[in-house]
Amino acid sequence: MVTLLIILVALVLIMTAIVKFDIHPFLALFVGAIFYGLLSGMSTDLILKSISDGFGGVLGSIGLLILLGVMIGTFLEKTGGALVIAQKILSWIGEKRVTAAMLFSGYILSIPVFGDSTFIMMNPISKSLSLKGKIPYAATTIAVALGATASHSLVPPTPGPIATAGILEADLGMVIFWGFIISLITLIPSYIFIKKVVWKIPLEPTFATSKPEKETTKSPSPLKSFLPITIPLVLIVLASIAQYPTQPLGDSSFTKIILFLGSPVIALLLGAFLSFTLPTKYDKKLLSASGWLGEALLIAAPVILITGAGGVFGKMLQNSGIGDLVSSSLSTSNWGIFLPFLIAFSLKTAQGSSTVAMITTASIVAPLLASLGLDSETMKVFAVLATGAGAMAISHANDSFFWAVTQLSGLTIKQGNKAHSLGTFIMSTTAIITIYIITLFM
């Protein structure tokens, strides 16, 4: 009980530092981990070893994946490829089904691109289609926001799911596979919620009076725009299938090639190279420190550092013997898959960042997987997804995405809580219920 109390105190201090004093999550997690180590009575040598092993071990397996994923998203956003994807989805689904089209567009775009960026890019389209189709602007707005939320927390290569899968040592291909299925299921109640509740919120789109500037560059084709996303995901899933004990793809040279190309680092590296072909005119400055590649590095760096600090916290918990101490208290309970969900849900609601919530939760849960009955290869995958499900909600005033949605659309805070915040709660609970049902048959 004393050890559990120390963990709780460390978490409260970390959350207070982030929420109340606006301290960067990296510093809060890093210092919080050291504080926990000292309070739990760990030797100074073991604390230093935990810092080295935790930070280096996690970044060695995850840091490159986060960086490559951000690079793909940056080039898609800068070249207009992301908008091309959105427009193609609209043409497939049809403008008569605008709400569904916007929901799915936000979903697809948020796989490689951060949710805030997805919403900013899609907002002009949301306005236009709302006016053209005589559909409430609140409905198209929340459709994009909830679509982006679904994939952002459940489908790699977004940083949160990648980091969580790495910390819990889960098969990334299976996380992608099941993440797609579960996140798509969450879109169903979200669509019903938008039609029944958000549709009734009065909101008119406002347009800028000045004329838009002419396009200076030509957008890439739909095929080129989709390739940087689809090729890596397909390769990673194929490699996971090839690794099944039954060897469904055989044991040939072709299988070995698939295993190499489908390793997450190589697959995402290929995706990054494909994204480099998106600009119509190649400029060597794009890959320079001051170009788009340099910008991607700046975006990825904080996430990578937070992930490393989360790794330190997780290693500190592990080396303190928390797994053995907690296993006895959990042996008679049946928290299972719900514990990572509840921790991530609480952290997301408390401090606003889904990525921080997922990384912190994974760091806490990693030493407890065996105690929770989540240490099999399959259950590790669902532990990652349960963490992502919790990190969806509740998006409210302490979340930057909440302010992007409300301020760019004109929704009031009350309307934002009724539409966006409640919508994320519905998605989150749908996801964990779906995960639990699936695990009953696994």
Protein backbone atom coordinates (compact mmCIF):
# COMPACT_ATOMS: atom_id res chain seq x y z
CA MET A 1 0.00 0.00 0.00
CA VAL A 2 2.88 2.37 0.74
CA THR A 3 4.35 1.80 -2.73
CA LEU A 4 0.96 2.37 -4.37
CA LEU A 5 0.57 5.56 -2.32
CA ILE A 6 3.99 6.76 -3.51
CA ILE A 7 2.97 6.12 -7.15
CA LEU A 8 -0.23 8.10 -6.58
CA VAL A 9 1.71 10.99 -5.03
CA ALA A 10 4.16 10.99 -7.95
CA LEU A 11 1.29 11.04 -10.47
CA VAL A 12 -0.49 13.87 -8.65
CA LEU A 13 2.72 15.92 -8.67
CA ILE A 14 3.25 15.23 -12.39
CA MET A 15 -0.32 16.23 -13.26
CA THR A 16 -0.16 19.33 -11.04
CA ALA A 17 3.09 20.41 -12.66
CA ILE A 18 1.61 20.02 -16.16
CA VAL A 19 -1.89 21.39 -15.56
CA LYS A 20 -1.45 24.08 -12.90
CA PHE A 21 2.10 25.29 -13.47
CA ASP A 22 2.23 24.65 -17.23
CA ILE A 23 5.53 22.75 -16.94
CA HIS A 24 6.48 20.80 -20.05
CA PRO A 25 5.38 17.13 -19.77
CA PHE A 26 8.96 15.94 -20.48
CA LEU A 27 10.37 17.69 -17.41
CA ALA A 28 7.37 16.78 -15.25
CA LEU A 29 7.60 13.08 -16.15
CA PHE A 30 11.39 12.96 -15.89
CA VAL A 31 11.61 14.64 -12.48
CA GLY A 32 8.53 12.73 -11.30
CA ALA A 33 10.24 9.45 -12.15
CA ILE A 34 13.34 10.37 -10.14
CA PHE A 35 11.14 11.57 -7.26
CA TYR A 36 9.33 8.21 -7.26
CA GLY A 37 12.64 6.32 -7.28
CA LEU A 38 13.95 8.25 -4.26
CA LEU A 39 10.70 7.91 -2.27
CA SER A 40 10.42 4.19 -2.98
CA GLY A 41 13.88 3.60 -1.48
CA MET A 42 15.71 2.63 -4.68
CA SER A 43 19.51 2.92 -4.58
CA THR A 44 21.05 5.85 -6.44
CA ASP A 45 22.85 3.43 -8.78
CA LEU A 46 19.56 1.73 -9.69
CA ILE A 47 17.89 5.11 -10.25
CA LEU A 48 20.66 6.15 -12.66
CA LYS A 49 20.47 2.78 -14.42
CA SER A 50 16.68 3.16 -14.75
CA ILE A 51 17.14 6.59 -16.36
CA SER A 52 19.67 5.26 -18.85
CA ASP A 53 17.83 2.04 -19.71
CA GLY A 54 14.38 3.64 -19.75
CA PHE A 55 15.23 6.61 -21.94
CA GLY A 56 17.60 4.81 -24.30
CA GLY A 57 15.59 1.62 -24.58
CA VAL A 58 12.32 3.32 -25.48
CA LEU A 59 13.80 5.83 -27.93
CA GLY A 60 15.86 3.15 -29.62
CA SER A 61 12.69 1.33 -30.65
CA ILE A 62 10.15 4.15 -30.92
CA GLY A 63 11.88 7.48 -31.62
CA LEU A 64 12.53 6.81 -35.31
CA LEU A 65 8.95 5.62 -35.85
CA ILE A 66 7.52 8.82 -34.39
CA LEU A 67 9.85 10.98 -36.47
CA LEU A 68 9.13 9.15 -39.75
CA GLY A 69 5.37 9.28 -39.11
CA VAL A 70 5.53 13.04 -38.52
CA MET A 71 7.63 13.50 -41.67
CA ILE A 72 4.98 11.77 -43.79
CA GLY A 73 2.24 13.92 -42.27
CA THR A 74 4.20 17.15 -42.76
CA PHE A 75 4.79 16.54 -46.48
CA LEU A 76 1.16 15.52 -47.02
CA GLU A 77 0.00 18.70 -45.32
CA LYS A 78 2.46 21.08 -47.01
CA THR A 79 1.93 19.78 -50.57
CA GLY A 80 -1.86 19.72 -50.39
CA GLY A 81 -1.86 15.93 -50.59
CA ALA A 82 -3.99 15.72 -47.44
CA LEU A 83 -6.68 17.88 -49.04
CA VAL A 84 -6.52 15.77 -52.20
CA ILE A 85 -7.23 12.70 -50.07
CA ALA A 86 -10.19 14.47 -48.43
CA GLN A 87 -11.63 15.55 -51.78
CA LYS A 88 -11.27 12.02 -53.14
CA ILE A 89 -13.11 10.58 -50.16
CA LEU A 90 -15.88 13.13 -50.70
CA SER A 91 -16.20 12.06 -54.34
CA TRP A 92 -16.45 8.40 -53.28
CA ILE A 93 -19.03 8.89 -50.54
CA GLY A 94 -20.90 11.67 -52.33
CA GLU A 95 -21.86 15.19 -51.31
CA LYS A 96 -25.37 14.00 -50.49
CA ARG A 97 -23.86 12.19 -47.52
CA VAL A 98 -21.77 15.13 -46.36
CA THR A 99 -21.76 14.26 -42.65
CA ALA A 100 -20.49 10.73 -43.26
CA ALA A 101 -17.96 12.04 -45.79
CA MET A 102 -16.57 14.61 -43.36
CA LEU A 103 -16.44 12.02 -40.55
CA PHE A 104 -14.48 9.59 -42.72
CA SER A 105 -12.26 12.32 -44.17
CA GLY A 106 -11.22 13.44 -40.70
CA TYR A 107 -10.62 9.79 -39.80
CA ILE A 108 -8.30 9.06 -42.75
CA LEU A 109 -6.38 12.35 -42.59
CA SER A 110 -5.63 12.03 -38.88
CA ILE A 111 -3.71 8.77 -39.41
CA PRO A 112 -0.62 10.60 -40.74
CA VAL A 113 -1.50 14.19 -39.70
CA PHE A 114 -2.06 15.58 -36.19
CA GLY A 115 -5.72 16.14 -35.26
CA ASP A 116 -5.36 19.93 -34.94
CA SER A 117 -3.82 20.17 -38.42
CA THR A 118 -6.49 17.88 -39.87
CA PHE A 119 -9.26 20.10 -38.52
CA ILE A 120 -7.60 23.31 -39.73
CA MET A 121 -7.19 21.90 -43.26
CA MET A 122 -10.72 20.50 -43.41
CA ASN A 123 -12.51 23.53 -41.94
CA PRO A 124 -12.86 25.46 -45.27
CA ILE A 125 -14.31 22.35 -46.93
CA SER A 126 -16.62 21.87 -43.95
CA LYS A 127 -17.91 25.43 -44.33
CA SER A 128 -18.48 25.16 -48.07
CA LEU A 129 -20.27 21.81 -47.95
CA SER A 130 -22.42 22.97 -45.04
CA LEU A 131 -23.61 25.96 -47.08
CA LYS A 132 -23.93 24.04 -50.33
CA GLY A 133 -25.75 21.04 -48.84
CA LYS A 134 -27.86 23.11 -46.43
CA ILE A 135 -26.50 21.09 -43.52
CA PRO A 136 -25.88 22.54 -40.05
CA TYR A 137 -22.27 23.73 -39.82
CA ALA A 138 -22.02 22.25 -36.30
CA ALA A 139 -22.66 18.80 -37.79
CA THR A 140 -19.88 18.99 -40.39
CA THR A 141 -17.53 20.54 -37.82
CA ILE A 142 -17.98 17.85 -35.20
CA ALA A 143 -17.90 15.13 -37.86
CA VAL A 144 -14.36 16.16 -38.81
CA ALA A 145 -13.31 16.49 -35.16
CA LEU A 146 -14.63 13.09 -34.07
CA GLY A 147 -13.29 11.37 -37.17
CA ALA A 148 -9.84 12.77 -36.39
CA THR A 149 -10.14 11.70 -32.74
CA ALA A 150 -10.92 8.07 -33.65
CA SER A 151 -7.79 7.38 -35.69
CA HIS A 152 -5.49 9.71 -33.73
CA SER A 153 -5.69 7.52 -30.63
CA LEU A 154 -6.03 4.06 -32.18
CA VAL A 155 -4.26 3.83 -35.54
CA PRO A 156 -0.47 4.17 -36.00
CA PRO A 157 1.60 5.92 -37.32
CA THR A 158 0.19 8.64 -35.09
CA PRO A 159 2.77 9.13 -32.30
CA GLY A 160 0.57 8.07 -29.35
CA PRO A 161 -0.29 4.54 -30.53
CA ILE A 162 3.27 3.99 -31.83
CA ALA A 163 4.80 5.00 -28.49
CA THR A 164 2.31 2.89 -26.52
CA ALA A 165 2.88 -0.17 -28.71
CA GLY A 166 6.64 0.23 -28.27
CA ILE A 167 6.49 0.59 -24.49
CA LEU A 168 4.18 -2.43 -24.13
CA GLU A 169 6.15 -4.38 -26.77
CA ALA A 170 3.02 -5.09 -28.81
CA ASP A 171 2.97 -6.21 -32.44
CA LEU A 172 2.55 -2.96 -34.40
CA GLY A 173 0.95 -4.70 -37.37
CA MET A 174 -1.77 -6.19 -35.20
CA VAL A 175 -2.27 -2.83 -33.46
CA ILE A 176 -2.89 -1.30 -36.89
CA PHE A 177 -5.21 -4.14 -37.95
CA TRP A 178 -7.39 -4.15 -34.83
CA GLY A 179 -7.05 -0.39 -34.43
CA PHE A 180 -8.69 0.09 -37.82
CA ILE A 181 -11.56 -2.24 -36.98
CA ILE A 182 -12.27 -0.81 -33.52
CA SER A 183 -11.90 2.84 -34.55
CA LEU A 184 -14.24 2.34 -37.53
CA ILE A 185 -16.83 0.84 -35.18
CA THR A 186 -16.64 3.96 -33.00
CA LEU A 187 -17.68 6.05 -36.01
CA ILE A 188 -21.15 4.42 -36.03
CA PRO A 189 -22.48 5.81 -32.70
CA SER A 190 -20.60 9.03 -33.43
CA TYR A 191 -22.56 9.45 -36.67
CA ILE A 192 -25.85 8.76 -34.86
CA PHE A 193 -24.90 11.25 -32.14
CA ILE A 194 -24.15 13.94 -34.75
CA LYS A 195 -27.46 13.33 -36.56
CA LYS A 196 -29.58 13.24 -33.39
CA VAL A 197 -27.88 15.84 -31.16
CA VAL A 198 -25.30 18.00 -32.95
CA TRP A 199 -27.60 18.54 -35.94
CA LYS A 200 -29.87 20.64 -33.69
CA ILE A 201 -27.12 23.09 -32.65
CA PRO A 202 -27.61 26.41 -34.49
CA LEU A 203 -24.39 27.56 -36.12
CA GLU A 204 -23.84 29.49 -39.34
CA PRO A 205 -20.48 29.41 -41.16
CA THR A 206 -18.75 32.76 -41.66
CA PHE A 207 -16.54 33.39 -44.67
CA ALA A 208 -13.64 35.78 -45.16
CA THR A 209 -14.53 38.75 -47.36
CA SER A 210 -11.11 39.01 -48.97
CA LYS A 211 -10.36 37.00 -52.10
CA PRO A 212 -8.27 33.91 -51.56
CA GLU A 213 -4.75 33.91 -52.91
CA LYS A 214 -4.10 31.93 -56.08
CA GLU A 215 -2.55 28.53 -55.74
CA THR A 216 1.16 28.75 -56.41
CA THR A 217 1.77 25.01 -56.57
CA LYS A 218 -0.11 22.15 -58.16
CA SER A 219 -1.50 19.51 -55.83
CA PRO A 220 -0.30 15.90 -56.22
CA SER A 221 -2.55 13.25 -57.76
CA PRO A 222 -4.83 11.16 -55.52
CA LEU A 223 -2.70 8.05 -56.15
CA LYS A 224 0.53 9.78 -55.10
CA SER A 225 -1.23 11.27 -52.07
CA PHE A 226 -2.53 7.92 -50.80
CA LEU A 227 0.70 5.93 -51.32
CA PRO A 228 2.73 7.34 -48.37
CA ILE A 229 -0.06 6.19 -46.02
CA THR A 230 -1.26 2.94 -47.55
CA ILE A 231 2.07 1.33 -48.53
CA PRO A 232 3.62 1.40 -45.01
CA LEU A 233 0.40 0.23 -43.32
CA VAL A 234 -0.07 -2.67 -45.78
CA LEU A 235 3.58 -3.75 -45.44
CA ILE A 236 3.48 -3.69 -41.63
CA VAL A 237 0.26 -5.74 -41.51
CA LEU A 238 1.62 -8.25 -44.08
CA ALA A 239 4.79 -8.69 -42.02
CA SER A 240 2.70 -9.36 -38.90
CA ILE A 241 0.68 -11.99 -40.77
CA ALA A 242 3.91 -13.57 -42.08
CA GLN A 243 5.17 -13.94 -38.51
CA TYR A 244 2.22 -16.11 -37.45
CA PRO A 245 3.37 -19.55 -36.15
CA THR A 246 1.38 -21.22 -38.96
CA GLN A 247 3.48 -19.29 -41.55
CA PRO A 248 0.54 -18.40 -43.84
CA LEU A 249 2.90 -16.77 -46.38
CA GLY A 250 5.36 -19.66 -46.34
CA ASP A 251 9.09 -19.57 -45.66
CA SER A 252 10.40 -18.36 -49.01
CA SER A 253 12.72 -15.52 -49.99
CA PHE A 254 9.61 -13.46 -50.73
CA THR A 255 8.49 -13.85 -47.11
CA LYS A 256 11.88 -12.68 -45.85
CA ILE A 257 11.60 -9.60 -48.10
CA ILE A 258 8.12 -8.91 -46.70
CA LEU A 259 9.43 -9.26 -43.14
CA PHE A 260 12.21 -6.77 -43.87
CA LEU A 261 10.08 -4.23 -45.75
CA GLY A 262 7.27 -4.65 -43.21
CA SER A 263 9.44 -3.91 -40.20
CA PRO A 264 7.96 -0.63 -38.88
CA VAL A 265 11.13 1.44 -39.35
CA ILE A 266 11.69 0.33 -42.97
CA ALA A 267 7.98 0.58 -43.87
CA LEU A 268 7.68 4.12 -42.53
CA LEU A 269 11.00 5.07 -44.14
CA LEU A 270 9.56 3.95 -47.50
CA GLY A 271 6.45 6.02 -46.72
CA ALA A 272 8.66 9.04 -46.01
CA PHE A 273 10.50 8.59 -49.33
CA LEU A 274 7.14 8.36 -51.12
CA SER A 275 6.04 11.59 -49.42
CA PHE A 276 9.19 13.29 -50.75
CA THR A 277 7.82 12.75 -54.29
CA LEU A 278 4.65 14.76 -53.56
CA PRO A 279 6.02 18.27 -54.37
CA THR A 280 5.58 19.00 -58.08
CA LYS A 281 8.91 20.82 -58.19
CA TYR A 282 11.76 19.44 -56.17
CA ASP A 283 13.64 21.96 -54.07
CA LYS A 284 16.70 20.74 -52.17
CA LYS A 285 15.80 23.14 -49.35
CA LEU A 286 12.74 20.96 -48.56
CA LEU A 287 15.00 18.34 -46.97
CA SER A 288 17.23 20.87 -45.22
CA ALA A 289 17.21 21.90 -41.56
CA SER A 290 15.25 25.04 -42.48
CA GLY A 291 12.84 23.24 -44.84
CA TRP A 292 9.90 20.91 -44.34
CA LEU A 293 12.11 18.12 -43.00
CA GLY A 294 13.51 20.49 -40.38
CA GLU A 295 9.97 21.50 -39.47
CA ALA A 296 9.01 17.84 -39.03
CA LEU A 297 11.98 17.40 -36.68
CA LEU A 298 10.77 20.32 -34.57
CA ILE A 299 7.25 18.87 -34.40
CA ALA A 300 8.47 15.36 -33.53
CA ALA A 301 11.11 16.35 -30.96
CA PRO A 302 8.75 17.16 -28.03
CA VAL A 303 6.78 13.94 -28.57
CA ILE A 304 10.00 11.89 -28.70
CA LEU A 305 11.30 13.52 -25.51
CA ILE A 306 8.01 12.94 -23.68
CA THR A 307 8.09 9.31 -24.82
CA GLY A 308 11.65 8.97 -23.48
CA ALA A 309 10.65 10.48 -20.13
CA GLY A 310 7.70 8.09 -19.98
CA GLY A 311 10.16 5.27 -20.59
CA VAL A 312 12.22 6.42 -17.62
CA PHE A 313 9.11 6.47 -15.43
CA GLY A 314 8.14 2.98 -16.59
CA LYS A 315 11.62 1.56 -16.00
CA MET A 316 11.71 3.17 -12.54
CA LEU A 317 8.40 1.47 -11.69
CA GLN A 318 9.66 -1.83 -13.04
CA ASN A 319 12.98 -1.74 -11.15
CA SER A 320 11.24 -0.80 -7.92
CA GLY A 321 9.51 -4.21 -7.99
CA ILE A 322 6.03 -2.74 -8.40
CA GLY A 323 4.90 -5.69 -10.52
CA ASP A 324 5.43 -8.20 -7.71
CA LEU A 325 3.91 -5.88 -5.12
CA VAL A 326 0.77 -5.17 -7.10
CA SER A 327 0.21 -8.68 -8.42
CA SER A 328 -1.01 -9.92 -5.04
CA SER A 329 -3.59 -7.15 -4.69
CA LEU A 330 -4.80 -7.60 -8.28
CA SER A 331 -4.92 -11.39 -8.19
CA THR A 332 -8.37 -11.43 -6.61
CA SER A 333 -9.76 -8.59 -8.76
CA ASN A 334 -10.64 -8.56 -12.43
CA TRP A 335 -9.47 -5.17 -13.70
CA GLY A 336 -7.83 -6.69 -16.78
CA ILE A 337 -8.25 -4.61 -19.90
CA PHE A 338 -10.15 -1.88 -18.03
CA LEU A 339 -7.20 -0.68 -15.93
CA PRO A 340 -5.18 0.87 -18.82
CA PHE A 341 -8.44 2.37 -20.11
CA LEU A 342 -9.33 4.00 -16.78
CA ILE A 343 -5.82 5.35 -16.20
CA ALA A 344 -5.60 6.85 -19.70
CA PHE A 345 -9.16 8.22 -19.43
CA SER A 346 -8.32 9.93 -16.12
CA LEU A 347 -5.02 11.35 -17.37
CA LYS A 348 -6.50 12.63 -20.65
CA THR A 349 -9.38 14.32 -18.86
CA ALA A 350 -7.04 15.81 -16.25
CA GLN A 351 -4.31 17.27 -18.47
CA GLY A 352 -5.69 17.38 -22.04
CA SER A 353 -3.04 15.66 -24.15
CA SER A 354 -3.92 12.24 -25.59
CA THR A 355 -0.27 11.51 -26.38
CA VAL A 356 0.91 12.29 -22.83
CA ALA A 357 -1.97 10.23 -21.41
CA MET A 358 -1.08 7.22 -23.58
CA ILE A 359 2.67 7.34 -22.89
CA THR A 360 2.20 7.78 -19.12
CA THR A 361 -0.41 5.01 -18.95
CA ALA A 362 1.77 2.60 -20.94
CA SER A 363 4.71 3.33 -18.64
CA ILE A 364 2.58 2.53 -15.56
CA VAL A 365 0.92 -0.56 -17.03
CA ALA A 366 4.02 -2.18 -18.61
CA PRO A 367 5.31 -3.75 -15.36
CA LEU A 368 1.78 -4.92 -14.49
CA LEU A 369 0.89 -6.77 -17.72
CA ALA A 370 1.40 -10.22 -16.22
CA SER A 371 -0.60 -9.34 -13.08
CA LEU A 372 -3.46 -8.08 -15.23
CA GLY A 373 -3.40 -11.12 -17.51
CA LEU A 374 -2.35 -8.95 -20.46
CA ASP A 375 1.11 -10.38 -21.10
CA SER A 376 0.25 -12.59 -24.10
CA GLU A 377 1.09 -11.25 -27.56
CA THR A 378 -2.60 -10.81 -28.36
CA MET A 379 -3.55 -9.10 -25.11
CA LYS A 380 -0.63 -6.69 -25.37
CA VAL A 381 -2.23 -5.44 -28.60
CA PHE A 382 -5.56 -4.88 -26.88
CA ALA A 383 -3.84 -3.24 -23.91
CA VAL A 384 -2.44 -0.68 -26.38
CA LEU A 385 -5.89 -0.13 -27.87
CA ALA A 386 -7.56 0.11 -24.44
CA THR A 387 -5.04 2.82 -23.57
CA GLY A 388 -5.89 4.62 -26.82
CA ALA A 389 -9.60 4.29 -26.09
CA GLY A 390 -9.14 5.97 -22.72
CA ALA A 391 -6.99 8.72 -24.23
CA MET A 392 -9.84 9.77 -26.53
CA ALA A 393 -11.86 11.37 -23.75
CA ILE A 394 -12.78 13.72 -22.40
CA SER A 395 -11.64 16.53 -24.70
CA HIS A 396 -12.60 19.80 -23.01
CA ALA A 397 -11.14 23.20 -22.06
CA ASN A 398 -7.65 21.91 -21.16
CA ASP A 399 -7.21 20.32 -24.60
CA SER A 400 -5.76 22.42 -27.44
CA PHE A 401 -7.86 20.43 -29.93
CA PHE A 402 -11.04 21.54 -28.13
CA TRP A 403 -10.08 25.19 -28.67
CA ALA A 404 -9.18 24.58 -32.32
CA VAL A 405 -12.64 23.09 -32.89
CA THR A 406 -14.60 25.79 -31.04
CA GLN A 407 -12.64 28.87 -32.08
CA LEU A 408 -12.35 28.04 -35.78
CA SER A 409 -16.00 27.05 -36.08
CA GLY A 410 -17.58 29.66 -33.81
CA LEU A 411 -19.06 27.16 -31.36
CA THR A 412 -19.54 28.53 -27.85
CA ILE A 413 -17.89 26.73 -24.91
CA LYS A 414 -21.28 25.31 -23.88
CA GLN A 415 -21.95 24.09 -27.42
CA GLY A 416 -18.44 22.66 -27.62
CA ASN A 417 -18.99 20.68 -24.42
CA LYS A 418 -22.36 19.43 -25.65
CA ALA A 419 -21.08 18.42 -29.06
CA HIS A 420 -17.32 17.75 -29.05
CA SER A 421 -16.68 16.77 -25.41
CA LEU A 422 -19.71 14.48 -25.21
CA GLY A 423 -18.84 13.06 -28.62
CA THR A 424 -15.35 12.03 -27.46
CA PHE A 425 -16.89 10.35 -24.39
CA ILE A 426 -19.24 8.34 -26.61
CA MET A 427 -16.34 7.28 -28.85
CA SER A 428 -14.19 6.32 -25.88
CA THR A 429 -16.81 4.14 -24.19
CA THR A 430 -17.76 2.53 -27.51
CA ALA A 431 -14.12 1.64 -28.12
CA ILE A 432 -13.53 0.00 -24.73
CA ILE A 433 -16.80 -1.96 -24.89
CA THR A 434 -15.84 -3.19 -28.37
CA ILE A 435 -12.34 -4.13 -27.15
CA TYR A 436 -13.76 -6.04 -24.17
CA ILE A 437 -16.20 -7.99 -26.35
CA ILE A 438 -13.44 -8.92 -28.81
CA THR A 439 -11.14 -10.10 -26.01
CA LEU A 440 -13.83 -12.50 -24.79
CA PHE A 441 -13.30 -14.49 -27.99
CA MET A 442 -9.51 -14.20 -28.22
